[in-house]
Protein backbone atom coordinates (compact mmCIF):
# COMPACT_ATOMS: atom_id res chain seq x y z
CA UNK A 1 67.46 101.90 136.55
CA UNK A 2 70.02 103.84 134.76
CA UNK A 3 71.34 102.44 131.04
CA UNK A 4 73.94 105.19 131.48
CA UNK A 5 75.82 103.71 134.56
CA UNK A 6 77.56 100.21 134.47
CA UNK A 7 78.78 99.02 137.59
CA UNK A 8 81.32 95.97 137.35
CA UNK A 9 84.69 94.49 138.77
CA UNK A 10 87.71 94.71 136.45
CA UNK A 11 89.19 91.68 137.21
CA UNK A 12 85.90 89.85 135.99
CA UNK A 13 84.89 92.08 133.46
CA UNK A 14 88.46 91.84 131.98
CA UNK A 15 88.42 88.36 131.34
CA UNK A 16 85.22 88.57 129.29
CA UNK A 17 87.06 90.58 126.57
CA UNK A 18 90.95 90.30 126.57
CA UNK A 19 91.50 93.00 129.54
CA UNK A 20 89.81 95.80 128.00
CA UNK A 21 87.17 97.66 129.76
CA UNK A 22 86.40 100.24 127.84
CA UNK A 23 86.21 101.30 124.34
CA UNK A 24 85.24 101.64 120.46
CA UNK A 25 85.00 97.92 120.83
CA UNK A 26 82.10 97.88 123.25
CA UNK A 27 78.60 98.11 122.12
CA UNK A 28 77.21 101.19 120.76
CA UNK A 29 75.09 102.45 123.74
CA UNK A 30 76.97 100.63 126.38
CA UNK A 31 78.38 103.33 129.11
CA UNK A 32 81.35 101.57 128.69
CA UNK A 33 81.42 102.32 124.63
CA UNK A 34 83.79 105.14 123.73
CA UNK A 35 85.81 106.32 120.73
CA UNK A 36 87.87 109.16 122.82
CA UNK A 37 89.62 106.28 125.18
CA UNK A 38 90.42 102.69 125.68
CA UNK A 39 90.77 101.42 129.32
CA UNK A 40 92.59 97.78 129.77
CA UNK A 41 92.99 95.83 132.61
CA UNK A 42 95.68 93.41 131.76
CA UNK A 43 96.34 90.53 134.08
CA UNK A 44 99.76 88.75 132.95
CA UNK A 45 101.27 85.72 134.04
CA UNK A 46 105.18 85.49 134.63
CA UNK A 47 106.51 85.48 131.05
CA UNK A 48 104.14 86.56 129.27
CA UNK A 49 105.12 88.67 126.36
CA UNK A 50 103.66 90.58 123.65
CA UNK A 51 105.21 88.54 120.44
CA UNK A 52 104.80 91.38 118.09
CA UNK A 53 106.14 94.77 118.51
CA UNK A 54 103.45 97.56 117.96
CA UNK A 55 104.52 99.76 114.75
CA UNK A 56 103.02 102.76 113.86
CA UNK A 57 100.95 103.96 116.92
CA UNK A 58 98.60 106.39 116.39
CA UNK A 59 97.78 106.80 120.26
CA UNK A 60 99.04 107.99 123.29
CA UNK A 61 99.29 105.57 125.71
CA UNK A 62 99.50 105.68 129.85
CA UNK A 63 100.54 102.26 131.73
CA UNK A 64 100.26 101.98 135.48
CA UNK A 65 101.38 99.05 137.45
CA UNK A 66 99.34 97.74 139.98
CA UNK A 67 101.36 94.67 141.20
CA UNK A 68 104.37 92.93 139.93
CA UNK A 69 107.32 93.73 137.89
CA UNK A 70 106.51 94.67 134.14
CA UNK A 71 108.86 95.56 131.54
CA UNK A 72 107.86 97.93 128.88
CA UNK A 73 110.61 98.22 125.61
CA UNK A 74 110.61 101.07 123.43
CA UNK A 75 112.95 102.05 120.72
CA UNK A 76 116.16 102.55 122.30
CA UNK A 77 114.89 102.01 125.71
CA UNK A 78 114.08 99.70 128.61
CA UNK A 79 111.45 100.84 130.91
CA UNK A 80 111.15 98.21 134.47
CA UNK A 81 107.79 99.23 136.10
CA UNK A 82 108.41 97.11 139.74
CA UNK A 83 106.73 99.34 142.37
CA UNK A 84 103.11 100.24 142.66
CA UNK A 85 101.88 103.13 141.20
CA UNK A 86 104.92 103.41 138.36
CA UNK A 87 103.95 104.27 135.03
CA UNK A 88 104.87 105.15 131.53
CA UNK A 89 103.51 107.33 129.50
CA UNK A 90 104.20 107.20 125.33
CA UNK A 91 102.83 109.34 122.30
CA UNK A 92 101.96 109.01 118.66
CA UNK A 93 104.97 107.36 116.99
CA UNK A 94 106.75 105.14 119.57
CA UNK A 95 106.72 101.80 118.78
CA UNK A 96 106.45 99.60 121.67
CA UNK A 97 106.18 95.92 123.20
CA UNK A 98 106.19 94.47 126.78
CA UNK A 99 107.32 91.68 129.06
CA UNK A 100 105.76 90.77 132.00
CA UNK A 101 108.60 89.81 134.32
CA UNK A 102 106.86 88.80 137.06
CA UNK A 103 103.28 87.65 137.41
CA UNK A 104 101.71 91.72 136.95
CA UNK A 105 98.61 93.70 136.90
CA UNK A 106 98.91 96.64 134.50
CA UNK A 107 96.22 99.56 133.70
CA UNK A 108 96.51 100.67 130.31
CA UNK A 109 94.56 103.99 129.13
CA UNK A 110 95.06 104.82 125.78
CA UNK A 111 93.87 107.82 123.37
CA UNK A 112 91.94 108.10 121.37
CA UNK A 113 89.94 104.57 120.55
CA UNK A 114 91.16 103.38 116.91
CA UNK A 115 89.45 100.46 115.36
CA UNK A 116 91.96 98.03 113.54
CA UNK A 117 94.68 97.96 116.08
CA UNK A 118 93.84 94.18 117.02
CA UNK A 119 96.72 91.47 115.98
CA UNK A 120 95.66 88.22 115.18
CA UNK A 121 95.61 85.41 117.90
CA UNK A 122 96.77 82.84 115.81
CA UNK A 123 100.24 81.17 116.81
CA UNK A 124 99.91 82.66 119.74
CA UNK A 125 99.99 86.27 119.13
CA UNK A 126 97.99 88.46 121.57
CA UNK A 127 95.97 91.49 121.39
CA UNK A 128 97.92 95.05 121.03
CA UNK A 129 98.30 96.76 124.08
């Protein structure tokens, strides 16, 4: 067995860590540990929304629609992802929020993987994405 290989299922593994498959938050020694990039398999029921805007973003992000209908809110702009493969990229300094117009699955890639961005889950707040 090679400890530098991990085989899994995004849907099943994502359920174990709020959608996150890869990033600094995985244990050191786990092949999914990375300080360079974070990857999330986000499964969002219709009406799911980010309750707080991400402000002071220090990462670049790519969000790709796998299924559903998903809206990303950016300063002065709303981007609707409605066809499989639609995507949006935003860079450092771009605040954002999101809303699932339909049940949606989205793949998010962020870089670098920076500690300290999680939002407290109290009062319905969700982890940042």
